[in-house]
PDB file of all heavy atoms in Angstrom:
ATOM      1  N   TYR A   1      28.347-387.321  60.083  1.00  0.00           N
ATOM      2  CA  TYR A   1      29.625-386.949  59.472  1.00  0.00           C
ATOM      3  C   TYR A   1      30.059-388.048  58.513  1.00  0.00           C
ATOM      4  O   TYR A   1      30.427-387.747  57.379  1.00  0.00           O
ATOM      5  CB  TYR A   1      30.668-386.708  60.554  1.00  0.00           C
ATOM      6  CG  TYR A   1      32.002-386.281  59.959  1.00  0.00           C
ATOM      7  CD1 TYR A   1      32.169-384.990  59.507  1.00  0.00           C
ATOM      8  CD2 TYR A   1      33.047-387.171  59.889  1.00  0.00           C
ATOM      9  CE1 TYR A   1      33.395-384.610  58.956  1.00  0.00           C
ATOM     10  CE2 TYR A   1      34.280-386.776  59.371  1.00  0.00           C
ATOM     11  CZ  TYR A   1      34.449-385.502  58.903  1.00  0.00           C
ATOM     12  OH  TYR A   1      35.636-385.120  58.383  1.00  0.00           O
ATOM     13  N   GLU A   2      29.987-389.292  58.937  1.00  0.00           N
ATOM     14  CA  GLU A   2      30.372-390.417  58.064  1.00  0.00           C
ATOM     15  C   GLU A   2      29.503-390.482  56.817  1.00  0.00           C
ATOM     16  O   GLU A   2      30.030-390.671  55.724  1.00  0.00           O
ATOM     17  CB  GLU A   2      30.334-391.722  58.848  1.00  0.00           C
ATOM     18  CG  GLU A   2      31.422-391.880  59.883  1.00  0.00           C
ATOM     19  CD  GLU A   2      31.164-393.092  60.765  1.00  0.00           C
ATOM     20  OE1 GLU A   2      30.331-393.910  60.430  1.00  0.00           O
ATOM     21  OE2 GLU A   2      31.906-393.169  61.774  1.00  0.00           O
ATOM     22  N   ASP A   3      28.195-390.312  57.009  1.00  0.00           N
ATOM     23  CA  ASP A   3      27.280-390.340  55.847  1.00  0.00           C
ATOM     24  C   ASP A   3      27.578-389.200  54.920  1.00  0.00           C
ATOM     25  O   ASP A   3      27.536-389.340  53.680  1.00  0.00           O
ATOM     26  CB  ASP A   3      25.834-390.264  56.314  1.00  0.00           C
ATOM     27  CG  ASP A   3      25.373-391.501  56.991  1.00  0.00           C
ATOM     28  OD1 ASP A   3      26.006-392.549  56.895  1.00  0.00           O
ATOM     29  OD2 ASP A   3      24.313-391.439  57.643  1.00  0.00           O
ATOM     30  N   SER A   4      27.900-388.045  55.468  1.00  0.00           N
ATOM     31  CA  SER A   4      28.239-386.875  54.603  1.00  0.00           C
ATOM     32  C   SER A   4      29.509-387.119  53.820  1.00  0.00           C
ATOM     33  O   SER A   4      29.576-386.805  52.648  1.00  0.00           O
ATOM     34  CB  SER A   4      28.404-385.611  55.481  1.00  0.00           C
ATOM     35  OG  SER A   4      27.198-385.311  56.092  1.00  0.00           O
ATOM     36  N   ILE A   5      30.521-387.650  54.467  1.00  0.00           N
ATOM     37  CA  ILE A   5      31.753-387.921  53.777  1.00  0.00           C
ATOM     38  C   ILE A   5      31.564-388.993  52.696  1.00  0.00           C
ATOM     39  O   ILE A   5      32.030-388.831  51.580  1.00  0.00           O
ATOM     40  CB  ILE A   5      32.864-388.385  54.797  1.00  0.00           C
ATOM     41  CG1 ILE A   5      33.182-387.250  55.748  1.00  0.00           C
ATOM     42  CG2 ILE A   5      34.109-388.882  54.063  1.00  0.00           C
ATOM     43  CD1 ILE A   5      33.727-386.029  55.105  1.00  0.00           C
ATOM     44  N   SER A   6      30.803-390.028  53.022  1.00  0.00           N
ATOM     45  CA  SER A   6      30.632-391.090  52.034  1.00  0.00           C
ATOM     46  C   SER A   6      29.782-390.609  50.836  1.00  0.00           C
ATOM     47  O   SER A   6      29.908-391.101  49.760  1.00  0.00           O
ATOM     48  CB  SER A   6      29.941-392.327  52.658  1.00  0.00           C
ATOM     49  OG  SER A   6      28.617-391.979  53.078  1.00  0.00           O
ATOM     50  N   ALA A   7      28.966-389.589  51.075  1.00  0.00           N
ATOM     51  CA  ALA A   7      28.168-389.015  49.998  1.00  0.00           C
ATOM     52  C   ALA A   7      28.957-387.972  49.216  1.00  0.00           C
ATOM     53  O   ALA A   7      28.467-387.415  48.260  1.00  0.00           O
ATOM     54  CB  ALA A   7      26.897-388.419  50.531  1.00  0.00           C
ATOM     55  N   GLY A   8      30.184-387.687  49.651  1.00  0.00           N
ATOM     56  CA  GLY A   8      30.990-386.686  48.942  1.00  0.00           C
ATOM     57  C   GLY A   8      30.737-385.280  49.384  1.00  0.00           C
ATOM     58  O   GLY A   8      31.118-384.343  48.715  1.00  0.00           O
ATOM     59  N   VAL A   9      30.013-385.089  50.504  1.00  0.00           N
ATOM     60  CA  VAL A   9      29.699-383.736  50.976  1.00  0.00           C
ATOM     61  C   VAL A   9      30.337-383.560  52.337  1.00  0.00           C
ATOM     62  O   VAL A   9      30.172-384.372  53.215  1.00  0.00           O
ATOM     63  CB  VAL A   9      28.151-383.592  51.121  1.00  0.00           C
ATOM     64  CG1 VAL A   9      27.793-382.216  51.669  1.00  0.00           C
ATOM     65  CG2 VAL A   9      27.491-383.849  49.810  1.00  0.00           C
ATOM     66  N   ARG A  10      31.047-382.478  52.509  1.00  0.00           N
ATOM     67  CA  ARG A  10      31.636-382.191  53.823  1.00  0.00           C
ATOM     68  C   ARG A  10      30.565-381.624  54.725  1.00  0.00           C
ATOM     69  O   ARG A  10      29.711-380.919  54.299  1.00  0.00           O
ATOM     70  CB  ARG A  10      32.801-381.174  53.692  1.00  0.00           C
ATOM     71  CG  ARG A  10      33.965-381.739  52.989  1.00  0.00           C
ATOM     72  CD  ARG A  10      35.128-380.825  52.968  1.00  0.00           C
ATOM     73  NE  ARG A  10      34.806-379.464  53.348  1.00  0.00           N
ATOM     74  CZ  ARG A  10      35.621-378.445  53.199  1.00  0.00           C
ATOM     75  NH1 ARG A  10      36.815-378.651  52.697  1.00  0.00           N
ATOM     76  NH2 ARG A  10      35.283-377.220  53.492  1.00  0.00           N
ATOM     77  N   PHE A  11      30.669-381.881  56.004  1.00  0.00           N
ATOM     78  CA  PHE A  11      29.735-381.377  56.995  1.00  0.00           C
ATOM     79  C   PHE A  11      29.895-379.896  57.166  1.00  0.00           C
ATOM     80  O   PHE A  11      31.018-379.392  57.354  1.00  0.00           O
ATOM     81  CB  PHE A  11      29.931-382.095  58.309  1.00  0.00           C
ATOM     82  CG  PHE A  11      29.061-381.565  59.363  1.00  0.00           C
ATOM     83  CD1 PHE A  11      27.704-381.870  59.447  1.00  0.00           C
ATOM     84  CD2 PHE A  11      29.552-380.683  60.365  1.00  0.00           C
ATOM     85  CE1 PHE A  11      26.898-381.381  60.423  1.00  0.00           C
ATOM     86  CE2 PHE A  11      28.752-380.150  61.324  1.00  0.00           C
ATOM     87  CZ  PHE A  11      27.380-380.496  61.365  1.00  0.00           C
ATOM     88  N   SER A  12      28.812-379.152  57.112  1.00  0.00           N
ATOM     89  CA  SER A  12      28.814-377.741  57.361  1.00  0.00           C
ATOM     90  C   SER A  12      27.431-377.352  57.848  1.00  0.00           C
ATOM     91  O   SER A  12      26.458-377.516  57.149  1.00  0.00           O
ATOM     92  CB  SER A  12      29.131-376.947  56.123  1.00  0.00           C
ATOM     93  OG  SER A  12      28.855-375.583  56.293  1.00  0.00           O
ATOM     94  N   SER A  13      27.319-376.824  59.058  1.00  0.00           N
ATOM     95  CA  SER A  13      26.025-376.428  59.569  1.00  0.00           C
ATOM     96  C   SER A  13      25.431-375.313  58.755  1.00  0.00           C
ATOM     97  O   SER A  13      24.221-375.252  58.585  1.00  0.00           O
ATOM     98  CB  SER A  13      26.138-376.032  61.052  1.00  0.00           C
ATOM     99  OG  SER A  13      27.001-374.939  61.198  1.00  0.00           O
ATOM    100  N   GLU A  14      26.220-374.385  58.242  1.00  0.00           N
ATOM    101  CA  GLU A  14      25.700-373.310  57.412  1.00  0.00           C
ATOM    102  C   GLU A  14      25.152-373.854  56.087  1.00  0.00           C
ATOM    103  O   GLU A  14      24.106-373.413  55.636  1.00  0.00           O
ATOM    104  CB  GLU A  14      26.766-372.257  57.156  1.00  0.00           C
ATOM    105  CG  GLU A  14      27.147-371.446  58.365  1.00  0.00           C
ATOM    106  CD  GLU A  14      25.969-370.745  59.013  1.00  0.00           C
ATOM    107  OE1 GLU A  14      25.209-370.080  58.295  1.00  0.00           O
ATOM    108  OE2 GLU A  14      25.806-370.922  60.232  1.00  0.00           O
ATOM    109  N   TYR A  15      25.841-374.792  55.510  1.00  0.00           N
ATOM    110  CA  TYR A  15      25.368-375.411  54.256  1.00  0.00           C
ATOM    111  C   TYR A  15      24.076-376.144  54.529  1.00  0.00           C
ATOM    112  O   TYR A  15      23.110-376.037  53.729  1.00  0.00           O
ATOM    113  CB  TYR A  15      26.427-376.328  53.704  1.00  0.00           C
ATOM    114  CG  TYR A  15      25.957-377.095  52.464  1.00  0.00           C
ATOM    115  CD1 TYR A  15      25.852-376.452  51.252  1.00  0.00           C
ATOM    116  CD2 TYR A  15      25.627-378.436  52.534  1.00  0.00           C
ATOM    117  CE1 TYR A  15      25.414-377.108  50.133  1.00  0.00           C
ATOM    118  CE2 TYR A  15      25.151-379.117  51.403  1.00  0.00           C
ATOM    119  CZ  TYR A  15      25.082-378.426  50.184  1.00  0.00           C
ATOM    120  OH  TYR A  15      24.625-379.085  49.084  1.00  0.00           O
ATOM    121  N   ALA A  16      23.987-376.863  55.644  1.00  0.00           N
ATOM    122  CA  ALA A  16      22.810-377.616  55.959  1.00  0.00           C
ATOM    123  C   ALA A  16      21.590-376.712  56.072  1.00  0.00           C
ATOM    124  O   ALA A  16      20.487-377.113  55.683  1.00  0.00           O
ATOM    125  CB  ALA A  16      23.019-378.438  57.246  1.00  0.00           C
ATOM    126  N   LYS A  17      21.747-375.522  56.582  1.00  0.00           N
ATOM    127  CA  LYS A  17      20.664-374.567  56.731  1.00  0.00           C
ATOM    128  C   LYS A  17      20.102-374.097  55.392  1.00  0.00           C
ATOM    129  O   LYS A  17      18.952-373.723  55.304  1.00  0.00           O
ATOM    130  CB  LYS A  17      21.103-373.358  57.516  1.00  0.00           C
ATOM    131  CG  LYS A  17      21.376-373.601  58.978  1.00  0.00           C
ATOM    132  CD  LYS A  17      21.868-372.311  59.620  1.00  0.00           C
ATOM    133  CE  LYS A  17      22.403-372.552  60.989  1.00  0.00           C
ATOM    134  NZ  LYS A  17      22.958-371.311  61.578  1.00  0.00           N
ATOM    135  N   THR A  18      20.909-374.116  54.360  1.00  0.00           N
ATOM    136  CA  THR A  18      20.481-373.565  53.046  1.00  0.00           C
ATOM    137  C   THR A  18      20.149-374.649  52.011  1.00  0.00           C
ATOM    138  O   THR A  18      19.756-374.315  50.917  1.00  0.00           O
ATOM    139  CB  THR A  18      21.561-372.647  52.487  1.00  0.00           C
ATOM    140  OG1 THR A  18      22.752-373.411  52.245  1.00  0.00           O
ATOM    141  CG2 THR A  18      21.852-371.489  53.438  1.00  0.00           C
ATOM    142  N   ARG A  19      20.336-375.919  52.356  1.00  0.00           N
ATOM    143  CA  ARG A  19      20.091-376.978  51.367  1.00  0.00           C
ATOM    144  C   ARG A  19      18.685-376.979  50.784  1.00  0.00           C
ATOM    145  O   ARG A  19      18.479-377.289  49.654  1.00  0.00           O
ATOM    146  CB  ARG A  19      20.416-378.346  51.919  1.00  0.00           C
ATOM    147  CG  ARG A  19      21.917-378.613  51.992  1.00  0.00           C
ATOM    148  CD  ARG A  19      22.219-379.967  52.448  1.00  0.00           C
ATOM    149  NE  ARG A  19      21.825-380.919  51.432  1.00  0.00           N
ATOM    150  CZ  ARG A  19      21.874-382.218  51.581  1.00  0.00           C
ATOM    151  NH1 ARG A  19      22.294-382.746  52.733  1.00  0.00           N
ATOM    152  NH2 ARG A  19      21.507-383.057  50.633  1.00  0.00           N
ATOM    153  N   GLY A  20      17.710-376.592  51.597  1.00  0.00           N
ATOM    154  CA  GLY A  20      16.318-376.548  51.121  1.00  0.00           C
ATOM    155  C   GLY A  20      16.132-375.586  49.989  1.00  0.00           C
ATOM    156  O   GLY A  20      15.234-375.744  49.160  1.00  0.00           O
ATOM    157  N   ASN A  21      16.970-374.544  49.907  1.00  0.00           N
ATOM    158  CA  ASN A  21      16.853-373.582  48.813  1.00  0.00           C
ATOM    159  C   ASN A  21      17.172-374.206  47.477  1.00  0.00           C
ATOM    160  O   ASN A  21      16.822-373.640  46.433  1.00  0.00           O
ATOM    161  CB  ASN A  21      17.799-372.410  49.039  1.00  0.00           C
ATOM    162  CG  ASN A  21      17.438-371.644  50.329  1.00  0.00           C
ATOM    163  OD1 ASN A  21      16.343-371.739  50.817  1.00  0.00           O
ATOM    164  ND2 ASN A  21      18.401-370.901  50.809  1.00  0.00           N
ATOM    165  N   LEU A  22      17.883-375.321  47.448  1.00  0.00           N
ATOM    166  CA  LEU A  22      18.274-375.950  46.205  1.00  0.00           C
ATOM    167  C   LEU A  22      17.198-376.821  45.597  1.00  0.00           C
ATOM    168  O   LEU A  22      17.357-377.361  44.534  1.00  0.00           O
ATOM    169  CB  LEU A  22      19.542-376.788  46.415  1.00  0.00           C
ATOM    170  CG  LEU A  22      20.748-376.012  46.925  1.00  0.00           C
ATOM    171  CD1 LEU A  22      21.903-376.999  47.249  1.00  0.00           C
ATOM    172  CD2 LEU A  22      21.176-374.969  45.966  1.00  0.00           C
ATOM    173  N   GLN A  23      16.082-376.961  46.278  1.00  0.00           N
ATOM    174  CA  GLN A  23      15.047-377.868  45.832  1.00  0.00           C
ATOM    175  C   GLN A  23      14.072-377.143  44.889  1.00  0.00           C
ATOM    176  O   GLN A  23      13.017-376.697  45.314  1.00  0.00           O
ATOM    177  CB  GLN A  23      14.351-378.482  47.043  1.00  0.00           C
ATOM    178  CG  GLN A  23      15.292-379.318  47.880  1.00  0.00           C
ATOM    179  CD  GLN A  23      14.617-379.862  49.116  1.00  0.00           C
ATOM    180  OE1 GLN A  23      13.503-379.556  49.424  1.00  0.00           O
ATOM    181  NE2 GLN A  23      15.366-380.656  49.841  1.00  0.00           N
ATOM    182  N   LEU A  24      14.434-377.045  43.639  1.00  0.00           N
ATOM    183  CA  LEU A  24      13.592-376.448  42.640  1.00  0.00           C
ATOM    184  C   LEU A  24      12.864-377.557  41.848  1.00  0.00           C
ATOM    185  O   LEU A  24      13.366-378.654  41.763  1.00  0.00           O
ATOM    186  CB  LEU A  24      14.428-375.586  41.685  1.00  0.00           C
ATOM    187  CG  LEU A  24      15.124-374.379  42.323  1.00  0.00           C
ATOM    188  CD1 LEU A  24      15.979-373.653  41.278  1.00  0.00           C
ATOM    189  CD2 LEU A  24      14.150-373.451  42.972  1.00  0.00           C
ATOM    190  N   ASN A  25      11.723-377.241  41.289  1.00  0.00           N
ATOM    191  CA  ASN A  25      11.024-378.212  40.496  1.00  0.00           C
ATOM    192  C   ASN A  25      10.427-377.526  39.257  1.00  0.00           C
ATOM    193  O   ASN A  25      10.732-376.384  39.016  1.00  0.00           O
ATOM    194  CB  ASN A  25       9.917-378.918  41.346  1.00  0.00           C
ATOM    195  CG  ASN A  25       8.913-377.907  41.892  1.00  0.00           C
ATOM    196  OD1 ASN A  25       8.494-376.975  41.202  1.00  0.00           O
ATOM    197  ND2 ASN A  25       8.533-378.102  43.139  1.00  0.00           N
ATOM    198  N   ALA A  26       9.618-378.205  38.541  1.00  0.00           N
ATOM    199  CA  ALA A  26       9.056-377.680  37.282  1.00  0.00           C
ATOM    200  C   ALA A  26       8.189-376.432  37.509  1.00  0.00           C
ATOM    201  O   ALA A  26       7.968-375.664  36.597  1.00  0.00           O
ATOM    202  CB  ALA A  26       8.258-378.744  36.582  1.00  0.00           C
ATOM    203  N   ASP A  27       7.688-376.272  38.708  1.00  0.00           N
ATOM    204  CA  ASP A  27       6.849-375.086  39.017  1.00  0.00           C
ATOM    205  C   ASP A  27       7.605-373.941  39.616  1.00  0.00           C
ATOM    206  O   ASP A  27       7.018-372.898  39.952  1.00  0.00           O
ATOM    207  CB  ASP A  27       5.712-375.523  39.979  1.00  0.00           C
ATOM    208  CG  ASP A  27       4.779-376.539  39.317  1.00  0.00           C
ATOM    209  OD1 ASP A  27       4.507-376.380  38.131  1.00  0.00           O
ATOM    210  OD2 ASP A  27       4.364-377.467  40.025  1.00  0.00           O
ATOM    211  N   SER A  28       8.927-374.082  39.821  1.00  0.00           N
ATOM    212  CA  SER A  28       9.725-373.027  40.436  1.00  0.00           C
ATOM    213  C   SER A  28       9.820-371.807  39.469  1.00  0.00           C
ATOM    214  O   SER A  28      10.120-371.951  38.290  1.00  0.00           O
ATOM    215  CB  SER A  28      11.131-373.546  40.742  1.00  0.00           C
ATOM    216  OG  SER A  28      11.043-374.554  41.698  1.00  0.00           O
ATOM    217  N   ARG A  29       9.575-370.635  40.039  1.00  0.00           N
ATOM    218  CA  ARG A  29       9.655-369.398  39.242  1.00  0.00           C
ATOM    219  C   ARG A  29      11.091-368.850  39.350  1.00  0.00           C
ATOM    220  O   ARG A  29      11.599-368.660  40.446  1.00  0.00           O
ATOM    221  CB  ARG A  29       8.630-368.414  39.767  1.00  0.00           C
ATOM    222  CG  ARG A  29       7.198-368.871  39.547  1.00  0.00           C
ATOM    223  CD  ARG A  29       6.168-367.933  40.121  1.00  0.00           C
ATOM    224  NE  ARG A  29       6.332-367.619  41.558  1.00  0.00           N
ATOM    225  CZ  ARG A  29       5.931-368.435  42.537  1.00  0.00           C
ATOM    226  NH1 ARG A  29       5.309-369.575  42.253  1.00  0.00           N
ATOM    227  NH2 ARG A  29       6.129-368.122  43.806  1.00  0.00           N
ATOM    228  N   VAL A  30      11.648-368.504  38.184  1.00  0.00           N
ATOM    229  CA  VAL A  30      13.041-368.045  38.124  1.00  0.00           C
ATOM    230  C   VAL A  30      13.083-366.723  37.376  1.00  0.00           C
ATOM    231  O   VAL A  30      12.443-366.598  36.343  1.00  0.00           O
ATOM    232  CB  VAL A  30      13.963-369.065  37.405  1.00  0.00           C
ATOM    233  CG1 VAL A  30      15.376-368.557  37.335  1.00  0.00           C
ATOM    234  CG2 VAL A  30      13.922-370.411  38.129  1.00  0.00           C
ATOM    235  N   ILE A  31      13.802-365.747  37.936  1.00  0.00           N
ATOM    236  CA  ILE A  31      14.025-364.523  37.171  1.00  0.00           C
ATOM    237  C   ILE A  31      15.493-364.480  36.704  1.00  0.00           C
ATOM    238  O   ILE A  31      16.329-365.205  37.264  1.00  0.00           O
ATOM    239  CB  ILE A  31      13.686-363.250  38.008  1.00  0.00           C
ATOM    240  CG1 ILE A  31      14.587-363.135  39.231  1.00  0.00           C
ATOM    241  CG2 ILE A  31      12.238-363.268  38.418  1.00  0.00           C
ATOM    242  CD1 ILE A  31      14.393-361.822  39.980  1.00  0.00           C
ATOM    243  N   CYS A  32      15.792-363.634  35.729  1.00  0.00           N
ATOM    244  CA  CYS A  32      17.135-363.544  35.228  1.00  0.00           C
ATOM    245  C   CYS A  32      17.551-362.078  35.213  1.00  0.00           C
ATOM    246  O   CYS A  32      16.881-361.253  34.613  1.00  0.00           O
ATOM    247  CB  CYS A  32      17.250-364.127  33.833  1.00  0.00           C
ATOM    248  SG  CYS A  32      18.911-363.986  33.169  1.00  0.00           S
ATOM    249  N   GLN A  33      18.681-361.789  35.819  1.00  0.00           N
ATOM    250  CA  GLN A  33      19.301-360.459  35.734  1.00  0.00           C
ATOM    251  C   GLN A  33      20.290-360.527  34.617  1.00  0.00           C
ATOM    252  O   GLN A  33      21.164-361.421  34.582  1.00  0.00           O
ATOM    253  CB  GLN A  33      19.921-360.171  37.090  1.00  0.00           C
ATOM    254  CG  GLN A  33      18.925-360.111  38.216  1.00  0.00           C
ATOM    255  CD  GLN A  33      19.634-360.065  39.567  1.00  0.00           C
ATOM    256  OE1 GLN A  33      19.777-361.108  40.179  1.00  0.00           O
ATOM    257  NE2 GLN A  33      20.006-358.880  39.980  1.00  0.00           N
ATOM    258  N   GLY A  34      20.251-359.592  33.697  1.00  0.00           N
ATOM    259  CA  GLY A  34      21.125-359.589  32.557  1.00  0.00           C
ATOM    260  C   GLY A  34      20.571-360.407  31.402  1.00  0.00           C
ATOM    261  O   GLY A  34      21.267-360.858  30.516  1.00  0.00           O
ATOM    262  N   PHE A  35      19.275-360.542  31.367  1.00  0.00           N
ATOM    263  CA  PHE A  35      18.560-361.391  30.412  1.00  0.00           C
ATOM    264  C   PHE A  35      18.633-360.901  28.976  1.00  0.00           C
ATOM    265  O   PHE A  35      18.733-361.713  28.064  1.00  0.00           O
ATOM    266  CB  PHE A  35      17.083-361.407  30.867  1.00  0.00           C
ATOM    267  CG  PHE A  35      16.198-362.351  30.043  1.00  0.00           C
ATOM    268  CD1 PHE A  35      16.154-363.675  30.366  1.00  0.00           C
ATOM    269  CD2 PHE A  35      15.414-361.853  29.047  1.00  0.00           C
ATOM    270  CE1 PHE A  35      15.343-364.533  29.681  1.00  0.00           C
ATOM    271  CE2 PHE A  35      14.570-362.713  28.347  1.00  0.00           C
ATOM    272  CZ  PHE A  35      14.547-364.053  28.670  1.00  0.00           C
ATOM    273  N   THR A  36      18.621-359.607  28.752  1.00  0.00           N
ATOM    274  CA  THR A  36      18.552-359.075  27.378  1.00  0.00           C
ATOM    275  C   THR A  36      19.903-358.940  26.707  1.00  0.00           C
ATOM    276  O   THR A  36      19.964-358.695  25.517  1.00  0.00           O
ATOM    277  CB  THR A  36      17.813-357.709  27.359  1.00  0.00           C
ATOM    278  OG1 THR A  36      18.533-356.790  28.135  1.00  0.00           O
ATOM    279  CG2 THR A  36      16.393-357.861  27.866  1.00  0.00           C
ATOM    280  N   ALA A  37      20.978-359.106  27.456  1.00  0.00           N
ATOM    281  CA  ALA A  37      22.321-359.040  26.857  1.00  0.00           C
ATOM    282  C   ALA A  37      22.553-360.276  25.985  1.00  0.00           C
ATOM    283  O   ALA A  37      21.804-361.252  26.051  1.00  0.00           O
ATOM    284  CB  ALA A  37      23.384-358.953  27.945  1.00  0.00           C
TER     285      ALA A  37
END
């Protein structure tokens, strides 16, 4: 909790479960909805 606060991130078990989804890199494939507008 202290490390999270000092890093500017509030503790949340739900957030912690999804943090891995944020790890994109140069090889990550991305699609776009609404691309042609």
